[in-house]
Amino acid sequence: MAINDLVYLLEQDNEIKETIRGLCDEKSLHLKVFHQHNELLSAIKNLTPGCIVVASEEQGDRVLELVRHISENAKGVPVVVLGTHNDLNTAVAVIKLGAVDYIEKPVISGRLAEHFNQIALQG
């Protein structure tokens, strides 16, 4: 089952979580926050969100595995990776694996809002 107005977030930074929560509230999107990648993967099996946002530095190299798994098992769901400045290798790798964007922290609001606008229009 898919719910277009639902955003899944895997992020540890409270400030980033609150920024994303605010963006979701502005767009009337529901936010579900996960603290570990296995929780997120389990949730995707039961309910497909309109968008998935993951933090790359929380997962290290595991973010590549996570994006690959999401791309294979939740086809068509946009994945946005939030990463660190100057991590070009990860940015290129996640885009090749199917992520729709790689946004450098801490300035995420503008570009992430664009993705949420698209989700809100579909919902």
PDB file of N, CA and C in Angstrom:
ATOM      1  N   MET A   1       0.835  -1.177   0.000  1.00  0.00           N
ATOM      2  CA  MET A   1       0.000   0.000   0.000  1.00  0.00           C
ATOM      3  C   MET A   1       0.884   1.247   0.000  1.00  0.00           C
ATOM      4  N   ALA A   2       0.517   2.212  -0.795  1.00  0.00           N
ATOM      5  CA  ALA A   2       1.285   3.450  -0.891  1.00  0.00           C
ATOM      6  C   ALA A   2       0.470   4.621  -0.342  1.00  0.00           C
ATOM      7  N   ILE A   3       1.141   5.488   0.377  1.00  0.00           N
ATOM      8  CA  ILE A   3       0.512   6.714   0.874  1.00  0.00           C
ATOM      9  C   ILE A   3       1.375   7.874   0.406  1.00  0.00           C
ATOM     10  N   ASN A   4       0.850   8.655  -0.540  1.00  0.00           N
ATOM     11  CA  ASN A   4       1.635   9.718  -1.157  1.00  0.00           C
ATOM     12  C   ASN A   4       1.963  10.867  -0.223  1.00  0.00           C
ATOM     13  N   ASP A   5       1.150  11.104   0.803  1.00  0.00           N
ATOM     14  CA  ASP A   5       1.421  12.251   1.670  1.00  0.00           C
ATOM     15  C   ASP A   5       2.245  11.872   2.898  1.00  0.00           C
ATOM     16  N   LEU A   6       2.950  10.763   2.811  1.00  0.00           N
ATOM     17  CA  LEU A   6       3.778  10.272   3.907  1.00  0.00           C
ATOM     18  C   LEU A   6       5.257  10.370   3.527  1.00  0.00           C
ATOM     19  N   VAL A   7       6.059  10.911   4.431  1.00  0.00           N
ATOM     20  CA  VAL A   7       7.500  11.018   4.232  1.00  0.00           C
ATOM     21  C   VAL A   7       8.188  10.202   5.317  1.00  0.00           C
ATOM     22  N   TYR A   8       9.081   9.317   4.896  1.00  0.00           N
ATOM     23  CA  TYR A   8       9.911   8.566   5.838  1.00  0.00           C
ATOM     24  C   TYR A   8      11.255   9.280   5.950  1.00  0.00           C
ATOM     25  N   LEU A   9      11.738   9.424   7.181  1.00  0.00           N
ATOM     26  CA  LEU A   9      12.994  10.111   7.427  1.00  0.00           C
ATOM     27  C   LEU A   9      13.893   9.261   8.309  1.00  0.00           C
ATOM     28  N   LEU A  10      15.129   9.063   7.878  1.00  0.00           N
ATOM     29  CA  LEU A  10      16.160   8.410   8.681  1.00  0.00           C
ATOM     30  C   LEU A  10      17.224   9.462   8.963  1.00  0.00           C
ATOM     31  N   GLU A  11      17.207   9.995  10.172  1.00  0.00           N
ATOM     32  CA  GLU A  11      18.090  11.104  10.538  1.00  0.00           C
ATOM     33  C   GLU A  11      18.254  11.121  12.051  1.00  0.00           C
ATOM     34  N   GLN A  12      19.472  11.398  12.510  1.00  0.00           N
ATOM     35  CA  GLN A  12      19.761  11.463  13.943  1.00  0.00           C
ATOM     36  C   GLN A  12      19.797  12.894  14.471  1.00  0.00           C
ATOM     37  N   ASP A  13      20.107  13.851  13.633  1.00  0.00           N
ATOM     38  CA  ASP A  13      20.275  15.238  14.044  1.00  0.00           C
ATOM     39  C   ASP A  13      18.914  15.874  14.329  1.00  0.00           C
ATOM     40  N   ASN A  14      18.703  16.289  15.579  1.00  0.00           N
ATOM     41  CA  ASN A  14      17.407  16.845  15.978  1.00  0.00           C
ATOM     42  C   ASN A  14      17.057  18.136  15.245  1.00  0.00           C
ATOM     43  N   GLU A  15      18.048  18.967  14.981  1.00  0.00           N
ATOM     44  CA  GLU A  15      17.780  20.222  14.269  1.00  0.00           C
ATOM     45  C   GLU A  15      17.302  19.945  12.844  1.00  0.00           C
ATOM     46  N   ILE A  16      17.945  19.017  12.178  1.00  0.00           N
ATOM     47  CA  ILE A  16      17.534  18.641  10.821  1.00  0.00           C
ATOM     48  C   ILE A  16      16.143  18.017  10.853  1.00  0.00           C
ATOM     49  N   LYS A  17      15.891  17.143  11.833  1.00  0.00           N
ATOM     50  CA  LYS A  17      14.563  16.527  11.950  1.00  0.00           C
ATOM     51  C   LYS A  17      13.480  17.590  12.106  1.00  0.00           C
ATOM     52  N   GLU A  18      13.733  18.588  12.936  1.00  0.00           N
ATOM     53  CA  GLU A  18      12.731  19.635  13.154  1.00  0.00           C
ATOM     54  C   GLU A  18      12.538  20.492  11.909  1.00  0.00           C
ATOM     55  N   THR A  19      13.609  20.748  11.170  1.00  0.00           N
ATOM     56  CA  THR A  19      13.490  21.479   9.909  1.00  0.00           C
ATOM     57  C   THR A  19      12.601  20.715   8.940  1.00  0.00           C
ATOM     58  N   ILE A  20      12.841  19.420   8.827  1.00  0.00           N
ATOM     59  CA  ILE A  20      12.048  18.593   7.907  1.00  0.00           C
ATOM     60  C   ILE A  20      10.615  18.468   8.402  1.00  0.00           C
ATOM     61  N   ARG A  21      10.424  18.355   9.703  1.00  0.00           N
ATOM     62  CA  ARG A  21       9.061  18.308  10.260  1.00  0.00           C
ATOM     63  C   ARG A  21       8.308  19.588   9.888  1.00  0.00           C
ATOM     64  N   GLY A  22       8.979  20.738   9.993  1.00  0.00           N
ATOM     65  CA  GLY A  22       8.359  22.007   9.627  1.00  0.00           C
ATOM     66  C   GLY A  22       7.984  22.061   8.153  1.00  0.00           C
ATOM     67  N   LEU A  23       8.865  21.574   7.293  1.00  0.00           N
ATOM     68  CA  LEU A  23       8.567  21.533   5.855  1.00  0.00           C
ATOM     69  C   LEU A  23       7.364  20.636   5.578  1.00  0.00           C
ATOM     70  N   CYS A  24       7.322  19.494   6.250  1.00  0.00           N
ATOM     71  CA  CYS A  24       6.184  18.577   6.065  1.00  0.00           C
ATOM     72  C   CYS A  24       4.884  19.232   6.527  1.00  0.00           C
ATOM     73  N   ASP A  25       4.928  19.907   7.665  1.00  0.00           N
ATOM     74  CA  ASP A  25       3.735  20.594   8.176  1.00  0.00           C
ATOM     75  C   ASP A  25       3.241  21.641   7.184  1.00  0.00           C
ATOM     76  N   GLU A  26       4.173  22.407   6.595  1.00  0.00           N
ATOM     77  CA  GLU A  26       3.807  23.429   5.607  1.00  0.00           C
ATOM     78  C   GLU A  26       3.100  22.825   4.401  1.00  0.00           C
ATOM     79  N   LYS A  27       3.503  21.625   4.026  1.00  0.00           N
ATOM     80  CA  LYS A  27       2.958  20.978   2.824  1.00  0.00           C
ATOM     81  C   LYS A  27       1.848  19.979   3.147  1.00  0.00           C
ATOM     82  N   SER A  28       1.430  19.930   4.404  1.00  0.00           N
ATOM     83  CA  SER A  28       0.401  18.975   4.862  1.00  0.00           C
ATOM     84  C   SER A  28       0.814  17.535   4.592  1.00  0.00           C
ATOM     85  N   LEU A  29       2.085  17.246   4.831  1.00  0.00           N
ATOM     86  CA  LEU A  29       2.612  15.891   4.681  1.00  0.00           C
ATOM     87  C   LEU A  29       2.833  15.295   6.065  1.00  0.00           C
ATOM     88  N   HIS A  30       2.659  13.999   6.172  1.00  0.00           N
ATOM     89  CA  HIS A  30       2.895  13.290   7.428  1.00  0.00           C
ATOM     90  C   HIS A  30       4.339  12.803   7.456  1.00  0.00           C
ATOM     91  N   LEU A  31       4.991  12.924   8.602  1.00  0.00           N
ATOM     92  CA  LEU A  31       6.389  12.527   8.741  1.00  0.00           C
ATOM     93  C   LEU A  31       6.511  11.379   9.728  1.00  0.00           C
ATOM     94  N   LYS A  32       7.225  10.348   9.325  1.00  0.00           N
ATOM     95  CA  LYS A  32       7.560   9.230  10.205  1.00  0.00           C
ATOM     96  C   LYS A  32       9.076   9.181  10.294  1.00  0.00           C
ATOM     97  N   VAL A  33       9.615   9.327  11.521  1.00  0.00           N
ATOM     98  CA  VAL A  33      11.054   9.364  11.740  1.00  0.00           C
ATOM     99  C   VAL A  33      11.543   8.003  12.206  1.00  0.00           C
ATOM    100  N   PHE A  34      12.643   7.563  11.622  1.00  0.00           N
ATOM    101  CA  PHE A  34      13.286   6.303  12.001  1.00  0.00           C
ATOM    102  C   PHE A  34      14.689   6.615  12.502  1.00  0.00           C
ATOM    103  N   HIS A  35      15.155   5.802  13.447  1.00  0.00           N
ATOM    104  CA  HIS A  35      16.485   6.022  14.013  1.00  0.00           C
ATOM    105  C   HIS A  35      17.515   5.015  13.503  1.00  0.00           C
ATOM    106  N   GLN A  36      17.033   3.917  12.920  1.00  0.00           N
ATOM    107  CA  GLN A  36      17.941   2.898  12.394  1.00  0.00           C
ATOM    108  C   GLN A  36      17.445   2.434  11.035  1.00  0.00           C
ATOM    109  N   HIS A  37      18.407   2.075  10.181  1.00  0.00           N
ATOM    110  CA  HIS A  37      18.028   1.708   8.811  1.00  0.00           C
ATOM    111  C   HIS A  37      17.158   0.460   8.760  1.00  0.00           C
ATOM    112  N   ASN A  38      17.353  -0.489   9.674  1.00  0.00           N
ATOM    113  CA  ASN A  38      16.531  -1.701   9.632  1.00  0.00           C
ATOM    114  C   ASN A  38      15.065  -1.399   9.959  1.00  0.00           C
ATOM    115  N   GLU A  39      14.804  -0.382  10.793  1.00  0.00           N
ATOM    116  CA  GLU A  39      13.430   0.040  11.066  1.00  0.00           C
ATOM    117  C   GLU A  39      12.789   0.597   9.804  1.00  0.00           C
ATOM    118  N   LEU A  40      13.540   1.399   9.077  1.00  0.00           N
ATOM    119  CA  LEU A  40      13.050   1.981   7.833  1.00  0.00           C
ATOM    120  C   LEU A  40      12.749   0.890   6.810  1.00  0.00           C
ATOM    121  N   LEU A  41      13.658  -0.042   6.652  1.00  0.00           N
ATOM    122  CA  LEU A  41      13.460  -1.129   5.685  1.00  0.00           C
ATOM    123  C   LEU A  41      12.243  -1.972   6.026  1.00  0.00           C
ATOM    124  N   SER A  42      12.023  -2.223   7.298  1.00  0.00           N
ATOM    125  CA  SER A  42      10.838  -2.983   7.721  1.00  0.00           C
ATOM    126  C   SER A  42       9.560  -2.223   7.406  1.00  0.00           C
ATOM    127  N   ALA A  43       9.574  -0.922   7.642  1.00  0.00           N
ATOM    128  CA  ALA A  43       8.388  -0.104   7.391  1.00  0.00           C
ATOM    129  C   ALA A  43       8.031  -0.075   5.909  1.00  0.00           C
ATOM    130  N   ILE A  44       9.047  -0.041   5.044  1.00  0.00           N
ATOM    131  CA  ILE A  44       8.805   0.001   3.599  1.00  0.00           C
ATOM    132  C   ILE A  44       8.080  -1.250   3.129  1.00  0.00           C
ATOM    133  N   LYS A  45       8.328  -2.369   3.783  1.00  0.00           N
ATOM    134  CA  LYS A  45       7.655  -3.620   3.414  1.00  0.00           C
ATOM    135  C   LYS A  45       6.145  -3.527   3.622  1.00  0.00           C
ATOM    136  N   ASN A  46       5.725  -2.746   4.629  1.00  0.00           N
ATOM    137  CA  ASN A  46       4.313  -2.662   4.982  1.00  0.00           C
ATOM    138  C   ASN A  46       3.586  -1.482   4.358  1.00  0.00           C
ATOM    139  N   LEU A  47       4.290  -0.372   4.184  1.00  0.00           N
ATOM    140  CA  LEU A  47       3.645   0.844   3.711  1.00  0.00           C
ATOM    141  C   LEU A  47       4.652   1.661   2.915  1.00  0.00           C
ATOM    142  N   THR A  48       4.307   1.988   1.686  1.00  0.00           N
ATOM    143  CA  THR A  48       5.212   2.739   0.822  1.00  0.00           C
ATOM    144  C   THR A  48       4.896   4.225   0.929  1.00  0.00           C
ATOM    145  N   PRO A  49       5.889   5.031   1.316  1.00  0.00           N
ATOM    146  CA  PRO A  49       5.650   6.474   1.452  1.00  0.00           C
ATOM    147  C   PRO A  49       5.755   7.192   0.114  1.00  0.00           C
ATOM    148  N   GLY A  50       5.439   8.484   0.135  1.00  0.00           N
ATOM    149  CA  GLY A  50       5.586   9.309  -1.055  1.00  0.00           C
ATOM    150  C   GLY A  50       7.016   9.728  -1.298  1.00  0.00           C
ATOM    151  N   CYS A  51       7.847   9.692  -0.235  1.00  0.00           N
ATOM    152  CA  CYS A  51       9.242  10.104  -0.335  1.00  0.00           C
ATOM    153  C   CYS A  51      10.015   9.526   0.849  1.00  0.00           C
ATOM    154  N   ILE A  52      11.290   9.248   0.615  1.00  0.00           N
ATOM    155  CA  ILE A  52      12.177   8.772   1.676  1.00  0.00           C
ATOM    156  C   ILE A  52      13.387   9.688   1.714  1.00  0.00           C
ATOM    157  N   VAL A  53      13.699  10.194   2.913  1.00  0.00           N
ATOM    158  CA  VAL A  53      14.858  11.069   3.107  1.00  0.00           C
ATOM    159  C   VAL A  53      15.791  10.361   4.076  1.00  0.00           C
ATOM    160  N   VAL A  54      17.056  10.178   3.673  1.00  0.00           N
ATOM    161  CA  VAL A  54      18.026   9.503   4.537  1.00  0.00           C
ATOM    162  C   VAL A  54      19.287  10.339   4.674  1.00  0.00           C
ATOM    163  N   ALA A  55      19.897  10.269   5.856  1.00  0.00           N
ATOM    164  CA  ALA A  55      21.152  10.970   6.113  1.00  0.00           C
ATOM    165  C   ALA A  55      22.309  10.039   5.800  1.00  0.00           C
ATOM    166  N   SER A  56      23.225  10.489   4.964  1.00  0.00           N
ATOM    167  CA  SER A  56      24.310   9.606   4.548  1.00  0.00           C
ATOM    168  C   SER A  56      25.349   9.395   5.625  1.00  0.00           C
ATOM    169  N   GLU A  57      25.694  10.414   6.390  1.00  0.00           N
ATOM    170  CA  GLU A  57      26.769  10.231   7.355  1.00  0.00           C
ATOM    171  C   GLU A  57      26.374   9.343   8.521  1.00  0.00           C
ATOM    172  N   GLU A  58      25.074   9.185   8.756  1.00  0.00           N
ATOM    173  CA  GLU A  58      24.627   8.297   9.820  1.00  0.00           C
ATOM    174  C   GLU A  58      24.877   6.833   9.441  1.00  0.00           C
ATOM    175  N   GLN A  59      24.929   6.563   8.163  1.00  0.00           N
ATOM    176  CA  GLN A  59      25.046   5.196   7.696  1.00  0.00           C
ATOM    177  C   GLN A  59      26.424   4.848   7.149  1.00  0.00           C
ATOM    178  N   GLY A  60      27.263   5.846   6.922  1.00  0.00           N
ATOM    179  CA  GLY A  60      28.553   5.574   6.299  1.00  0.00           C
ATOM    180  C   GLY A  60      28.345   4.931   4.941  1.00  0.00           C
ATOM    181  N   ASP A  61      29.094   3.866   4.664  1.00  0.00           N
ATOM    182  CA  ASP A  61      28.937   3.159   3.389  1.00  0.00           C
ATOM    183  C   ASP A  61      27.597   2.440   3.299  1.00  0.00           C
ATOM    184  N   ARG A  62      26.955   2.259   4.414  1.00  0.00           N
ATOM    185  CA  ARG A  62      25.666   1.561   4.415  1.00  0.00           C
ATOM    186  C   ARG A  62      24.580   2.347   3.702  1.00  0.00           C
ATOM    187  N   VAL A  63      24.767   3.655   3.528  1.00  0.00           N
ATOM    188  CA  VAL A  63      23.761   4.428   2.814  1.00  0.00           C
ATOM    189  C   VAL A  63      23.644   3.940   1.379  1.00  0.00           C
ATOM    190  N   LEU A  64      24.744   3.505   0.795  1.00  0.00           N
ATOM    191  CA  LEU A  64      24.693   2.973  -0.571  1.00  0.00           C
ATOM    192  C   LEU A  64      23.850   1.705  -0.622  1.00  0.00           C
ATOM    193  N   GLU A  65      24.060   0.838   0.333  1.00  0.00           N
ATOM    194  CA  GLU A  65      23.269  -0.390   0.429  1.00  0.00           C
ATOM    195  C   GLU A  65      21.794  -0.059   0.650  1.00  0.00           C
ATOM    196  N   LEU A  66      21.534   0.919   1.497  1.00  0.00           N
ATOM    197  CA  LEU A  66      20.167   1.325   1.796  1.00  0.00           C
ATOM    198  C   LEU A  66      19.465   1.884   0.559  1.00  0.00           C
ATOM    199  N   VAL A  67      20.121   2.771  -0.164  1.00  0.00           N
ATOM    200  CA  VAL A  67      19.527   3.342  -1.374  1.00  0.00           C
ATOM    201  C   VAL A  67      19.291   2.254  -2.417  1.00  0.00           C
ATOM    202  N   ARG A  68      20.229   1.345  -2.554  1.00  0.00           N
ATOM    203  CA  ARG A  68      20.070   0.233  -3.500  1.00  0.00           C
ATOM    204  C   ARG A  68      18.841  -0.598  -3.130  1.00  0.00           C
ATOM    205  N   HIS A  69      18.709  -0.922  -1.855  1.00  0.00           N
ATOM    206  CA  HIS A  69      17.570  -1.734  -1.397  1.00  0.00           C
ATOM    207  C   HIS A  69      16.241  -1.006  -1.633  1.00  0.00           C
ATOM    208  N   ILE A  70      16.194   0.270  -1.319  1.00  0.00           N
ATOM    209  CA  ILE A  70      14.969   1.033  -1.517  1.00  0.00           C
ATOM    210  C   ILE A  70      14.618   1.089  -3.000  1.00  0.00           C
ATOM    211  N   SER A  71      15.612   1.349  -3.848  1.00  0.00           N
ATOM    212  CA  SER A  71      15.372   1.431  -5.286  1.00  0.00           C
ATOM    213  C   SER A  71      14.831   0.124  -5.851  1.00  0.00           C
ATOM    214  N   GLU A  72      15.287  -0.985  -5.311  1.00  0.00           N
ATOM    215  CA  GLU A  72      14.837  -2.297  -5.790  1.00  0.00           C
ATOM    216  C   GLU A  72      13.486  -2.704  -5.226  1.00  0.00           C
ATOM    217  N   ASN A  73      13.179  -2.276  -3.999  1.00  0.00           N
ATOM    218  CA  ASN A  73      11.983  -2.769  -3.315  1.00  0.00           C
ATOM    219  C   ASN A  73      10.861  -1.746  -3.180  1.00  0.00           C
ATOM    220  N   ALA A  74      11.122  -0.516  -3.444  1.00  0.00           N
ATOM    221  CA  ALA A  74      10.092   0.527  -3.392  1.00  0.00           C
ATOM    222  C   ALA A  74      10.207   1.352  -4.670  1.00  0.00           C
ATOM    223  N   LYS A  75      10.037   0.673  -5.775  1.00  0.00           N
ATOM    224  CA  LYS A  75      10.213   1.302  -7.089  1.00  0.00           C
ATOM    225  C   LYS A  75       9.311   2.524  -7.237  1.00  0.00           C
ATOM    226  N   GLY A  76       9.905   3.588  -7.757  1.00  0.00           N
ATOM    227  CA  GLY A  76       9.144   4.799  -8.003  1.00  0.00           C
ATOM    228  C   GLY A  76       9.082   5.767  -6.831  1.00  0.00           C
ATOM    229  N   VAL A  77       9.556   5.351  -5.665  1.00  0.00           N
ATOM    230  CA  VAL A  77       9.546   6.245  -4.509  1.00  0.00           C
ATOM    231  C   VAL A  77      10.803   7.109  -4.561  1.00  0.00           C
ATOM    232  N   PRO A  78      10.650   8.421  -4.581  1.00  0.00           N
ATOM    233  CA  PRO A  78      11.832   9.283  -4.610  1.00  0.00           C
ATOM    234  C   PRO A  78      12.624   9.175  -3.308  1.00  0.00           C
ATOM    235  N   VAL A  79      13.930   9.028  -3.456  1.00  0.00           N
ATOM    236  CA  VAL A  79      14.836   8.970  -2.306  1.00  0.00           C
ATOM    237  C   VAL A  79      15.749  10.183  -2.377  1.00  0.00           C
ATOM    238  N   VAL A  80      15.778  10.948  -1.285  1.00  0.00           N
ATOM    239  CA  VAL A  80      16.651  12.107  -1.164  1.00  0.00           C
ATOM    240  C   VAL A  80      17.662  11.798  -0.072  1.00  0.00           C
ATOM    241  N   VAL A  81      18.939  11.961  -0.394  1.00  0.00           N
ATOM    242  CA  VAL A  81      20.001  11.704   0.574  1.00  0.00           C
ATOM    243  C   VAL A  81      20.543  13.042   1.062  1.00  0.00           C
ATOM    244  N   LEU A  82      20.601  13.176   2.395  1.00  0.00           N
ATOM    245  CA  LEU A  82      21.191  14.360   3.020  1.00  0.00           C
ATOM    246  C   LEU A  82      22.611  14.010   3.413  1.00  0.00           C
ATOM    247  N   GLY A  83      23.567  14.771   2.928  1.00  0.00           N
ATOM    248  CA  GLY A  83      24.953  14.423   3.197  1.00  0.00           C
ATOM    249  C   GLY A  83      25.808  15.592   3.605  1.00  0.00           C
ATOM    250  N   THR A  84      27.070  15.294   3.714  1.00  0.00           N
ATOM    251  CA  THR A  84      28.019  16.303   4.146  1.00  0.00           C
ATOM    252  C   THR A  84      28.603  17.035   2.949  1.00  0.00           C
ATOM    253  N   HIS A  85      29.091  18.214   3.213  1.00  0.00           N
ATOM    254  CA  HIS A  85      29.724  19.043   2.199  1.00  0.00           C
ATOM    255  C   HIS A  85      30.974  18.339   1.661  1.00  0.00           C
ATOM    256  N   ASN A  86      31.184  18.414   0.371  1.00  0.00           N
ATOM    257  CA  ASN A  86      32.370  17.866  -0.294  1.00  0.00           C
ATOM    258  C   ASN A  86      32.443  16.349  -0.315  1.00  0.00           C
ATOM    259  N   ASP A  87      31.321  15.647  -0.209  1.00  0.00           N
ATOM    260  CA  ASP A  87      31.334  14.188  -0.317  1.00  0.00           C
ATOM    261  C   ASP A  87      30.833  13.800  -1.706  1.00  0.00           C
ATOM    262  N   LEU A  88      31.620  14.182  -2.695  1.00  0.00           N
ATOM    263  CA  LEU A  88      31.240  13.981  -4.091  1.00  0.00           C
ATOM    264  C   LEU A  88      31.089  12.499  -4.440  1.00  0.00           C
ATOM    265  N   ASN A  89      31.949  11.640  -3.904  1.00  0.00           N
ATOM    266  CA  ASN A  89      31.872  10.211  -4.213  1.00  0.00           C
ATOM    267  C   ASN A  89      30.533   9.622  -3.799  1.00  0.00           C
ATOM    268  N   THR A  90      30.082   9.933  -2.588  1.00  0.00           N
ATOM    269  CA  THR A  90      28.789   9.423  -2.127  1.00  0.00           C
ATOM    270  C   THR A  90      27.659  10.024  -2.941  1.00  0.00           C
ATOM    271  N   ALA A  91      27.747  11.318  -3.237  1.00  0.00           N
ATOM    272  CA  ALA A  91      26.701  11.974  -4.016  1.00  0.00           C
ATOM    273  C   ALA A  91      26.515  11.291  -5.369  1.00  0.00           C
ATOM    274  N   VAL A  92      27.590  11.058  -6.058  1.00  0.00           N
ATOM    275  CA  VAL A  92      27.519  10.409  -7.371  1.00  0.00           C
ATOM    276  C   VAL A  92      26.998   8.976  -7.235  1.00  0.00           C
ATOM    277  N   ALA A  93      27.482   8.258  -6.242  1.00  0.00           N
ATOM    278  CA  ALA A  93      27.086   6.862  -6.058  1.00  0.00           C
ATOM    279  C   ALA A  93      25.598   6.716  -5.767  1.00  0.00           C
ATOM    280  N   VAL A  94      25.046   7.563  -4.887  1.00  0.00           N
ATOM    281  CA  VAL A  94      23.626   7.409  -4.549  1.00  0.00           C
ATOM    282  C   VAL A  94      22.728   7.802  -5.718  1.00  0.00           C
ATOM    283  N   ILE A  95      23.147   8.772  -6.511  1.00  0.00           N
ATOM    284  CA  ILE A  95      22.367   9.140  -7.698  1.00  0.00           C
ATOM    285  C   ILE A  95      22.380   7.987  -8.700  1.00  0.00           C
ATOM    286  N   LYS A  96      23.530   7.358  -8.882  1.00  0.00           N
ATOM    287  CA  LYS A  96      23.615   6.205  -9.792  1.00  0.00           C
ATOM    288  C   LYS A  96      22.751   5.047  -9.314  1.00  0.00           C
ATOM    289  N   LEU A  97      22.574   4.939  -8.003  1.00  0.00           N
ATOM    290  CA  LEU A  97      21.759   3.857  -7.435  1.00  0.00           C
ATOM    291  C   LEU A  97      20.266   4.171  -7.423  1.00  0.00           C
ATOM    292  N   GLY A  98      19.903   5.391  -7.807  1.00  0.00           N
ATOM    293  CA  GLY A  98      18.482   5.693  -7.924  1.00  0.00           C
ATOM    294  C   GLY A  98      17.962   6.835  -7.079  1.00  0.00           C
ATOM    295  N   ALA A  99      18.789   7.446  -6.232  1.00  0.00           N
ATOM    296  CA  ALA A  99      18.332   8.603  -5.469  1.00  0.00           C
ATOM    297  C   ALA A  99      18.018   9.745  -6.426  1.00  0.00           C
ATOM    298  N   VAL A 100      17.007  10.548  -6.102  1.00  0.00           N
ATOM    299  CA  VAL A 100      16.651  11.667  -6.968  1.00  0.00           C
ATOM    300  C   VAL A 100      17.468  12.914  -6.658  1.00  0.00           C
ATOM    301  N   ASP A 101      18.072  12.958  -5.462  1.00  0.00           N
ATOM    302  CA  ASP A 101      18.857  14.137  -5.113  1.00  0.00           C
ATOM    303  C   ASP A 101      19.798  13.811  -3.958  1.00  0.00           C
ATOM    304  N   TYR A 102      20.868  14.576  -3.890  1.00  0.00           N
ATOM    305  CA  TYR A 102      21.817  14.551  -2.780  1.00  0.00           C
ATOM    306  C   TYR A 102      21.943  15.997  -2.328  1.00  0.00           C
ATOM    307  N   ILE A 103      21.503  16.289  -1.115  1.00  0.00           N
ATOM    308  CA  ILE A 103      21.485  17.652  -0.608  1.00  0.00           C
ATOM    309  C   ILE A 103      22.484  17.761   0.535  1.00  0.00           C
ATOM    310  N   GLU A 104      23.379  18.748   0.433  1.00  0.00           N
ATOM    311  CA  GLU A 104      24.390  18.943   1.469  1.00  0.00           C
ATOM    312  C   GLU A 104      23.785  19.655   2.670  1.00  0.00           C
ATOM    313  N   LYS A 105      24.062  19.112   3.848  1.00  0.00           N
ATOM    314  CA  LYS A 105      23.638  19.764   5.090  1.00  0.00           C
ATOM    315  C   LYS A 105      24.582  20.923   5.371  1.00  0.00           C
ATOM    316  N   PRO A 106      24.189  21.890   6.106  1.00  0.00           N
ATOM    317  CA  PRO A 106      22.923  22.025   6.817  1.00  0.00           C
ATOM    318  C   PRO A 106      21.848  22.757   6.028  1.00  0.00           C
ATOM    319  N   VAL A 107      22.158  23.280   4.844  1.00  0.00           N
ATOM    320  CA  VAL A 107      21.189  24.066   4.086  1.00  0.00           C
ATOM    321  C   VAL A 107      20.359  23.126   3.208  1.00  0.00           C
ATOM    322  N   ILE A 108      19.239  22.667   3.761  1.00  0.00           N
ATOM    323  CA  ILE A 108      18.436  21.670   3.049  1.00  0.00           C
ATOM    324  C   ILE A 108      17.057  22.174   2.660  1.00  0.00           C
ATOM    325  N   SER A 109      16.601  23.242   3.276  1.00  0.00           N
ATOM    326  CA  SER A 109      15.198  23.654   3.166  1.00  0.00           C
ATOM    327  C   SER A 109      14.725  23.893   1.740  1.00  0.00           C
ATOM    328  N   GLY A 110      15.449  24.677   0.958  1.00  0.00           N
ATOM    329  CA  GLY A 110      14.985  25.041  -0.378  1.00  0.00           C
ATOM    330  C   GLY A 110      14.795  23.855  -1.304  1.00  0.00           C
ATOM    331  N   ARG A 111      15.832  23.064  -1.461  1.00  0.00           N
ATOM    332  CA  ARG A 111      15.746  21.934  -2.395  1.00  0.00           C
ATOM    333  C   ARG A 111      14.814  20.854  -1.889  1.00  0.00           C
ATOM    334  N   LEU A 112      14.812  20.611  -0.586  1.00  0.00           N
ATOM    335  CA  LEU A 112      13.913  19.601  -0.043  1.00  0.00           C
ATOM    336  C   LEU A 112      12.459  20.052  -0.181  1.00  0.00           C
ATOM    337  N   ALA A 113      12.206  21.342  -0.016  1.00  0.00           N
ATOM    338  CA  ALA A 113      10.857  21.881  -0.193  1.00  0.00           C
ATOM    339  C   ALA A 113      10.360  21.632  -1.615  1.00  0.00           C
ATOM    340  N   GLU A 114      11.246  21.734  -2.601  1.00  0.00           N
ATOM    341  CA  GLU A 114      10.859  21.446  -3.986  1.00  0.00           C
ATOM    342  C   GLU A 114      10.372  20.013  -4.142  1.00  0.00           C
ATOM    343  N   HIS A 115      11.072  19.068  -3.523  1.00  0.00           N
ATOM    344  CA  HIS A 115      10.647  17.662  -3.586  1.00  0.00           C
ATOM    345  C   HIS A 115       9.311  17.471  -2.882  1.00  0.00           C
ATOM    346  N   PHE A 116       9.147  18.125  -1.731  1.00  0.00           N
ATOM    347  CA  PHE A 116       7.897  18.000  -0.978  1.00  0.00           C
ATOM    348  C   PHE A 116       6.732  18.638  -1.740  1.00  0.00           C
ATOM    349  N   ASN A 117       6.998  19.705  -2.499  1.00  0.00           N
ATOM    350  CA  ASN A 117       5.945  20.306  -3.332  1.00  0.00           C
ATOM    351  C   ASN A 117       5.417  19.287  -4.336  1.00  0.00           C
ATOM    352  N   GLN A 118       6.318  18.532  -4.946  1.00  0.00           N
ATOM    353  CA  GLN A 118       5.908  17.519  -5.907  1.00  0.00           C
ATOM    354  C   GLN A 118       5.061  16.429  -5.242  1.00  0.00           C
ATOM    355  N   ILE A 119       5.452  16.032  -4.039  1.00  0.00           N
ATOM    356  CA  ILE A 119       4.701  15.018  -3.309  1.00  0.00           C
ATOM    357  C   ILE A 119       3.314  15.549  -2.948  1.00  0.00           C
ATOM    358  N   ALA A 120       3.259  16.789  -2.477  1.00  0.00           N
ATOM    359  CA  ALA A 120       1.982  17.393  -2.067  1.00  0.00           C
ATOM    360  C   ALA A 120       1.025  17.483  -3.262  1.00  0.00           C
ATOM    361  N   LEU A 121       1.552  17.763  -4.435  1.00  0.00           N
ATOM    362  CA  LEU A 121       0.715  17.843  -5.630  1.00  0.00           C
ATOM    363  C   LEU A 121       0.139  16.484  -6.019  1.00  0.00           C
ATOM    364  N   GLN A 122       0.878  15.413  -5.729  1.00  0.00           N
ATOM    365  CA  GLN A 122       0.420  14.067  -6.059  1.00  0.00           C
ATOM    366  C   GLN A 122      -0.624  13.567  -5.080  1.00  0.00           C
ATOM    367  N   GLY A 123      -0.531  14.048  -3.824  1.00  0.00           N
ATOM    368  CA  GLY A 123      -1.391  13.561  -2.738  1.00  0.00           C
ATOM    369  C   GLY A 123      -2.771  14.008  -2.822  1.00  0.00           C
TER     370      GLY A 123
END
